[in-house]
Amino acid sequence: MKTIEDLRTRAKELSRQAVELRRKGSEVYEENKEQAKQFRQQAREAMKRCQVLIEEIKRQQA
């Protein structure tokens, strides 16, 4: 079992990753819509993993 601090750190990393992927998707949208779609999908997946970690943090704090 990871500590709450480890979970928070990983959640922040995933959140930053999602923001970066979303930004990349916006940058390449005009040139390559398929790649932009892939970046957006990866961003959604990262945010889902981040939400799972946030729920785990809440469970551990309760």
PDB file of N, CA and C in Angstrom:
ATOM      1  N   MET A   1       0.849  -1.189   0.000  1.00  0.00           N
ATOM      2  CA  MET A   1       0.000   0.000   0.000  1.00  0.00           C
ATOM      3  C   MET A   1       0.892   1.249   0.000  1.00  0.00           C
ATOM      4  N   LYS A   2       0.601   2.139  -0.896  1.00  0.00           N
ATOM      5  CA  LYS A   2       1.379   3.372  -0.978  1.00  0.00           C
ATOM      6  C   LYS A   2       0.867   4.381   0.044  1.00  0.00           C
ATOM      7  N   THR A   3       1.775   5.264   0.435  1.00  0.00           N
ATOM      8  CA  THR A   3       1.373   6.296   1.377  1.00  0.00           C
ATOM      9  C   THR A   3       0.541   7.355   0.668  1.00  0.00           C
ATOM     10  N   ILE A   4      -0.160   8.133   1.449  1.00  0.00           N
ATOM     11  CA  ILE A   4      -0.984   9.200   0.893  1.00  0.00           C
ATOM     12  C   ILE A   4      -0.105  10.186   0.126  1.00  0.00           C
ATOM     13  N   GLU A   5       1.074  10.467   0.649  1.00  0.00           N
ATOM     14  CA  GLU A   5       1.970  11.403  -0.033  1.00  0.00           C
ATOM     15  C   GLU A   5       2.407  10.868  -1.401  1.00  0.00           C
ATOM     16  N   ASP A   6       2.687   9.564  -1.471  1.00  0.00           N
ATOM     17  CA  ASP A   6       3.036   8.944  -2.758  1.00  0.00           C
ATOM     18  C   ASP A   6       1.882   9.059  -3.744  1.00  0.00           C
ATOM     19  N   LEU A   7       0.668   8.820  -3.259  1.00  0.00           N
ATOM     20  CA  LEU A   7      -0.508   8.912  -4.119  1.00  0.00           C
ATOM     21  C   LEU A   7      -0.729  10.337  -4.610  1.00  0.00           C
ATOM     22  N   ARG A   8      -0.536  11.304  -3.725  1.00  0.00           N
ATOM     23  CA  ARG A   8      -0.700  12.704  -4.114  1.00  0.00           C
ATOM     24  C   ARG A   8       0.318  13.096  -5.179  1.00  0.00           C
ATOM     25  N   THR A   9       1.555  12.664  -4.978  1.00  0.00           N
ATOM     26  CA  THR A   9       2.609  12.975  -5.950  1.00  0.00           C
ATOM     27  C   THR A   9       2.272  12.398  -7.309  1.00  0.00           C
ATOM     28  N   ARG A  10       1.845  11.147  -7.339  1.00  0.00           N
ATOM     29  CA  ARG A  10       1.499  10.502  -8.607  1.00  0.00           C
ATOM     30  C   ARG A  10       0.280  11.173  -9.252  1.00  0.00           C
ATOM     31  N   ALA A  11      -0.698  11.562  -8.442  1.00  0.00           N
ATOM     32  CA  ALA A  11      -1.880  12.238  -8.982  1.00  0.00           C
ATOM     33  C   ALA A  11      -1.487  13.569  -9.622  1.00  0.00           C
ATOM     34  N   LYS A  12      -0.581  14.298  -8.992  1.00  0.00           N
ATOM     35  CA  LYS A  12      -0.121  15.566  -9.563  1.00  0.00           C
ATOM     36  C   LYS A  12       0.613  15.333 -10.885  1.00  0.00           C
ATOM     37  N   GLU A  13       1.445  14.288 -10.915  1.00  0.00           N
ATOM     38  CA  GLU A  13       2.161  13.960 -12.149  1.00  0.00           C
ATOM     39  C   GLU A  13       1.179  13.636 -13.275  1.00  0.00           C
ATOM     40  N   LEU A  14       0.181  12.837 -12.971  1.00  0.00           N
ATOM     41  CA  LEU A  14      -0.818  12.479 -13.990  1.00  0.00           C
ATOM     42  C   LEU A  14      -1.605  13.695 -14.455  1.00  0.00           C
ATOM     43  N   SER A  15      -1.913  14.583 -13.533  1.00  0.00           N
ATOM     44  CA  SER A  15      -2.646  15.792 -13.882  1.00  0.00           C
ATOM     45  C   SER A  15      -1.810  16.664 -14.824  1.00  0.00           C
ATOM     46  N   ARG A  16      -0.540  16.832 -14.502  1.00  0.00           N
ATOM     47  CA  ARG A  16       0.347  17.615 -15.371  1.00  0.00           C
ATOM     48  C   ARG A  16       0.469  16.962 -16.749  1.00  0.00           C
ATOM     49  N   GLN A  17       0.582  15.644 -16.748  1.00  0.00           N
ATOM     50  CA  GLN A  17       0.681  14.907 -17.999  1.00  0.00           C
ATOM     51  C   GLN A  17      -0.574  15.128 -18.851  1.00  0.00           C
ATOM     52  N   ALA A  18      -1.728  15.067 -18.225  1.00  0.00           N
ATOM     53  CA  ALA A  18      -2.985  15.270 -18.950  1.00  0.00           C
ATOM     54  C   ALA A  18      -3.056  16.663 -19.549  1.00  0.00           C
ATOM     55  N   VAL A  19      -2.643  17.665 -18.792  1.00  0.00           N
ATOM     56  CA  VAL A  19      -2.656  19.040 -19.290  1.00  0.00           C
ATOM     57  C   VAL A  19      -1.706  19.173 -20.478  1.00  0.00           C
ATOM     58  N   GLU A  20      -0.534  18.592 -20.360  1.00  0.00           N
ATOM     59  CA  GLU A  20       0.453  18.665 -21.436  1.00  0.00           C
ATOM     60  C   GLU A  20      -0.064  17.963 -22.701  1.00  0.00           C
ATOM     61  N   LEU A  21      -0.675  16.799 -22.533  1.00  0.00           N
ATOM     62  CA  LEU A  21      -1.215  16.080 -23.686  1.00  0.00           C
ATOM     63  C   LEU A  21      -2.341  16.866 -24.343  1.00  0.00           C
ATOM     64  N   ARG A  22      -3.189  17.473 -23.545  1.00  0.00           N
ATOM     65  CA  ARG A  22      -4.285  18.276 -24.083  1.00  0.00           C
ATOM     66  C   ARG A  22      -3.721  19.466 -24.862  1.00  0.00           C
ATOM     67  N   ARG A  23      -2.673  20.091 -24.319  1.00  0.00           N
ATOM     68  CA  ARG A  23      -2.039  21.225 -24.999  1.00  0.00           C
ATOM     69  C   ARG A  23      -1.442  20.785 -26.338  1.00  0.00           C
ATOM     70  N   LYS A  24      -0.753  19.647 -26.337  1.00  0.00           N
ATOM     71  CA  LYS A  24      -0.179  19.128 -27.579  1.00  0.00           C
ATOM     72  C   LYS A  24      -1.276  18.848 -28.607  1.00  0.00           C
ATOM     73  N   GLY A  25      -2.368  18.299 -28.137  1.00  0.00           N
ATOM     74  CA  GLY A  25      -3.488  18.029 -29.025  1.00  0.00           C
ATOM     75  C   GLY A  25      -4.008  19.297 -29.686  1.00  0.00           C
ATOM     76  N   SER A  26      -4.074  20.357 -28.912  1.00  0.00           N
ATOM     77  CA  SER A  26      -4.533  21.632 -29.465  1.00  0.00           C
ATOM     78  C   SER A  26      -3.531  22.193 -30.471  1.00  0.00           C
ATOM     79  N   GLU A  27      -2.240  22.024 -30.182  1.00  0.00           N
ATOM     80  CA  GLU A  27      -1.210  22.556 -31.071  1.00  0.00           C
ATOM     81  C   GLU A  27      -1.210  21.866 -32.433  1.00  0.00           C
ATOM     82  N   VAL A  28      -1.391  20.552 -32.443  1.00  0.00           N
ATOM     83  CA  VAL A  28      -1.267  19.810 -33.705  1.00  0.00           C
ATOM     84  C   VAL A  28      -2.605  19.624 -34.415  1.00  0.00           C
ATOM     85  N   TYR A  29      -3.681  20.127 -33.854  1.00  0.00           N
ATOM     86  CA  TYR A  29      -5.009  19.866 -34.396  1.00  0.00           C
ATOM     87  C   TYR A  29      -5.137  20.254 -35.868  1.00  0.00           C
ATOM     88  N   GLU A  30      -4.670  21.435 -36.236  1.00  0.00           N
ATOM     89  CA  GLU A  30      -4.827  21.902 -37.611  1.00  0.00           C
ATOM     90  C   GLU A  30      -4.019  21.061 -38.596  1.00  0.00           C
ATOM     91  N   GLU A  31      -2.821  20.613 -38.200  1.00  0.00           N
ATOM     92  CA  GLU A  31      -1.965  19.850 -39.108  1.00  0.00           C
ATOM     93  C   GLU A  31      -2.314  18.368 -39.147  1.00  0.00           C
ATOM     94  N   ASN A  32      -2.695  17.809 -37.984  1.00  0.00           N
ATOM     95  CA  ASN A  32      -2.868  16.359 -37.908  1.00  0.00           C
ATOM     96  C   ASN A  32      -3.987  16.036 -36.918  1.00  0.00           C
ATOM     97  N   LYS A  33      -5.185  15.965 -37.424  1.00  0.00           N
ATOM     98  CA  LYS A  33      -6.346  15.746 -36.558  1.00  0.00           C
ATOM     99  C   LYS A  33      -6.307  14.377 -35.873  1.00  0.00           C
ATOM    100  N   GLU A  34      -5.769  13.376 -36.546  1.00  0.00           N
ATOM    101  CA  GLU A  34      -5.704  12.032 -35.948  1.00  0.00           C
ATOM    102  C   GLU A  34      -4.752  12.014 -34.749  1.00  0.00           C
ATOM    103  N   GLN A  35      -3.603  12.646 -34.905  1.00  0.00           N
ATOM    104  CA  GLN A  35      -2.661  12.704 -33.781  1.00  0.00           C
ATOM    105  C   GLN A  35      -3.258  13.519 -32.635  1.00  0.00           C
ATOM    106  N   ALA A  36      -3.957  14.590 -32.960  1.00  0.00           N
ATOM    107  CA  ALA A  36      -4.605  15.402 -31.922  1.00  0.00           C
ATOM    108  C   ALA A  36      -5.623  14.559 -31.164  1.00  0.00           C
ATOM    109  N   LYS A  37      -6.364  13.737 -31.896  1.00  0.00           N
ATOM    110  CA  LYS A  37      -7.347  12.849 -31.263  1.00  0.00           C
ATOM    111  C   LYS A  37      -6.659  11.879 -30.308  1.00  0.00           C
ATOM    112  N   GLN A  38      -5.515  11.348 -30.715  1.00  0.00           N
ATOM    113  CA  GLN A  38      -4.766  10.423 -29.856  1.00  0.00           C
ATOM    114  C   GLN A  38      -4.272  11.124 -28.593  1.00  0.00           C
ATOM    115  N   PHE A  39      -3.765  12.350 -28.745  1.00  0.00           N
ATOM    116  CA  PHE A  39      -3.315  13.110 -27.570  1.00  0.00           C
ATOM    117  C   PHE A  39      -4.468  13.351 -26.606  1.00  0.00           C
ATOM    118  N   ARG A  40      -5.641  13.713 -27.142  1.00  0.00           N
ATOM    119  CA  ARG A  40      -6.799  13.950 -26.280  1.00  0.00           C
ATOM    120  C   ARG A  40      -7.229  12.672 -25.568  1.00  0.00           C
ATOM    121  N   GLN A  41      -7.179  11.533 -26.260  1.00  0.00           N
ATOM    122  CA  GLN A  41      -7.526  10.255 -25.647  1.00  0.00           C
ATOM    123  C   GLN A  41      -6.558   9.925 -24.518  1.00  0.00           C
ATOM    124  N   GLN A  42      -5.268  10.132 -24.756  1.00  0.00           N
ATOM    125  CA  GLN A  42      -4.267   9.876 -23.717  1.00  0.00           C
ATOM    126  C   GLN A  42      -4.491  10.796 -22.517  1.00  0.00           C
ATOM    127  N   ALA A  43      -4.880  12.033 -22.779  1.00  0.00           N
ATOM    128  CA  ALA A  43      -5.161  12.976 -21.696  1.00  0.00           C
ATOM    129  C   ALA A  43      -6.347  12.493 -20.869  1.00  0.00           C
ATOM    130  N   ARG A  44      -7.396  12.004 -21.540  1.00  0.00           N
ATOM    131  CA  ARG A  44      -8.566  11.478 -20.807  1.00  0.00           C
ATOM    132  C   ARG A  44      -8.171  10.293 -19.936  1.00  0.00           C
ATOM    133  N   GLU A  45      -7.350   9.404 -20.474  1.00  0.00           N
ATOM    134  CA  GLU A  45      -6.919   8.230 -19.706  1.00  0.00           C
ATOM    135  C   GLU A  45      -6.095   8.642 -18.493  1.00  0.00           C
ATOM    136  N   ALA A  46      -5.217   9.623 -18.674  1.00  0.00           N
ATOM    137  CA  ALA A  46      -4.409  10.105 -17.550  1.00  0.00           C
ATOM    138  C   ALA A  46      -5.297  10.708 -16.473  1.00  0.00           C
ATOM    139  N   MET A  47      -6.327  11.461 -16.877  1.00  0.00           N
ATOM    140  CA  MET A  47      -7.230  12.057 -15.896  1.00  0.00           C
ATOM    141  C   MET A  47      -8.056  10.998 -15.175  1.00  0.00           C
ATOM    142  N   LYS A  48      -8.430   9.942 -15.882  1.00  0.00           N
ATOM    143  CA  LYS A  48      -9.153   8.854 -15.218  1.00  0.00           C
ATOM    144  C   LYS A  48      -8.277   8.207 -14.146  1.00  0.00           C
ATOM    145  N   ARG A  49      -7.016   7.962 -14.482  1.00  0.00           N
ATOM    146  CA  ARG A  49      -6.104   7.373 -13.492  1.00  0.00           C
ATOM    147  C   ARG A  49      -5.904   8.322 -12.316  1.00  0.00           C
ATOM    148  N   CYS A  50      -5.828   9.607 -12.615  1.00  0.00           N
ATOM    149  CA  CYS A  50      -5.686  10.616 -11.568  1.00  0.00           C
ATOM    150  C   CYS A  50      -6.896  10.574 -10.637  1.00  0.00           C
ATOM    151  N   GLN A  51      -8.090  10.470 -11.191  1.00  0.00           N
ATOM    152  CA  GLN A  51      -9.312  10.420 -10.376  1.00  0.00           C
ATOM    153  C   GLN A  51      -9.339   9.183  -9.489  1.00  0.00           C
ATOM    154  N   VAL A  52      -8.855   8.058 -10.011  1.00  0.00           N
ATOM    155  CA  VAL A  52      -8.786   6.832  -9.202  1.00  0.00           C
ATOM    156  C   VAL A  52      -7.870   7.058  -8.004  1.00  0.00           C
ATOM    157  N   LEU A  53      -6.738   7.710  -8.241  1.00  0.00           N
ATOM    158  CA  LEU A  53      -5.814   7.984  -7.135  1.00  0.00           C
ATOM    159  C   LEU A  53      -6.438   8.930  -6.114  1.00  0.00           C
ATOM    160  N   ILE A  54      -7.161   9.921  -6.588  1.00  0.00           N
ATOM    161  CA  ILE A  54      -7.818  10.858  -5.673  1.00  0.00           C
ATOM    162  C   ILE A  54      -8.836  10.123  -4.801  1.00  0.00           C
ATOM    163  N   GLU A  55      -9.591   9.220  -5.399  1.00  0.00           N
ATOM    164  CA  GLU A  55     -10.552   8.423  -4.626  1.00  0.00           C
ATOM    165  C   GLU A  55      -9.828   7.565  -3.589  1.00  0.00           C
ATOM    166  N   GLU A  56      -8.690   6.998  -3.962  1.00  0.00           N
ATOM    167  CA  GLU A  56      -7.920   6.184  -3.018  1.00  0.00           C
ATOM    168  C   GLU A  56      -7.406   7.037  -1.860  1.00  0.00           C
ATOM    169  N   ILE A  57      -6.972   8.253  -2.154  1.00  0.00           N
ATOM    170  CA  ILE A  57      -6.511   9.174  -1.104  1.00  0.00           C
ATOM    171  C   ILE A  57      -7.666   9.440  -0.139  1.00  0.00           C
ATOM    172  N   LYS A  58      -8.834   9.710  -0.683  1.00  0.00           N
ATOM    173  CA  LYS A  58     -10.005   9.980   0.172  1.00  0.00           C
ATOM    174  C   LYS A  58     -10.332   8.777   1.041  1.00  0.00           C
ATOM    175  N   ARG A  59     -10.257   7.567   0.463  1.00  0.00           N
ATOM    176  CA  ARG A  59     -10.537   6.355   1.244  1.00  0.00           C
ATOM    177  C   ARG A  59      -9.544   6.194   2.386  1.00  0.00           C
ATOM    178  N   GLN A  60      -8.281   6.444   2.106  1.00  0.00           N
ATOM    179  CA  GLN A  60      -7.266   6.276   3.141  1.00  0.00           C
ATOM    180  C   GLN A  60      -7.394   7.321   4.244  1.00  0.00           C
ATOM    181  N   GLN A  61      -7.872   8.489   3.898  1.00  0.00           N
ATOM    182  CA  GLN A  61      -8.012   9.544   4.907  1.00  0.00           C
ATOM    183  C   GLN A  61      -9.247   9.332   5.776  1.00  0.00           C
ATOM    184  N   ALA A  62     -10.209   8.594   5.281  1.00  0.00           N
ATOM    185  CA  ALA A  62     -11.459   8.391   6.027  1.00  0.00           C
ATOM    186  C   ALA A  62     -11.267   7.431   7.186  1.00  0.00           C
TER     187      ALA A  62
END
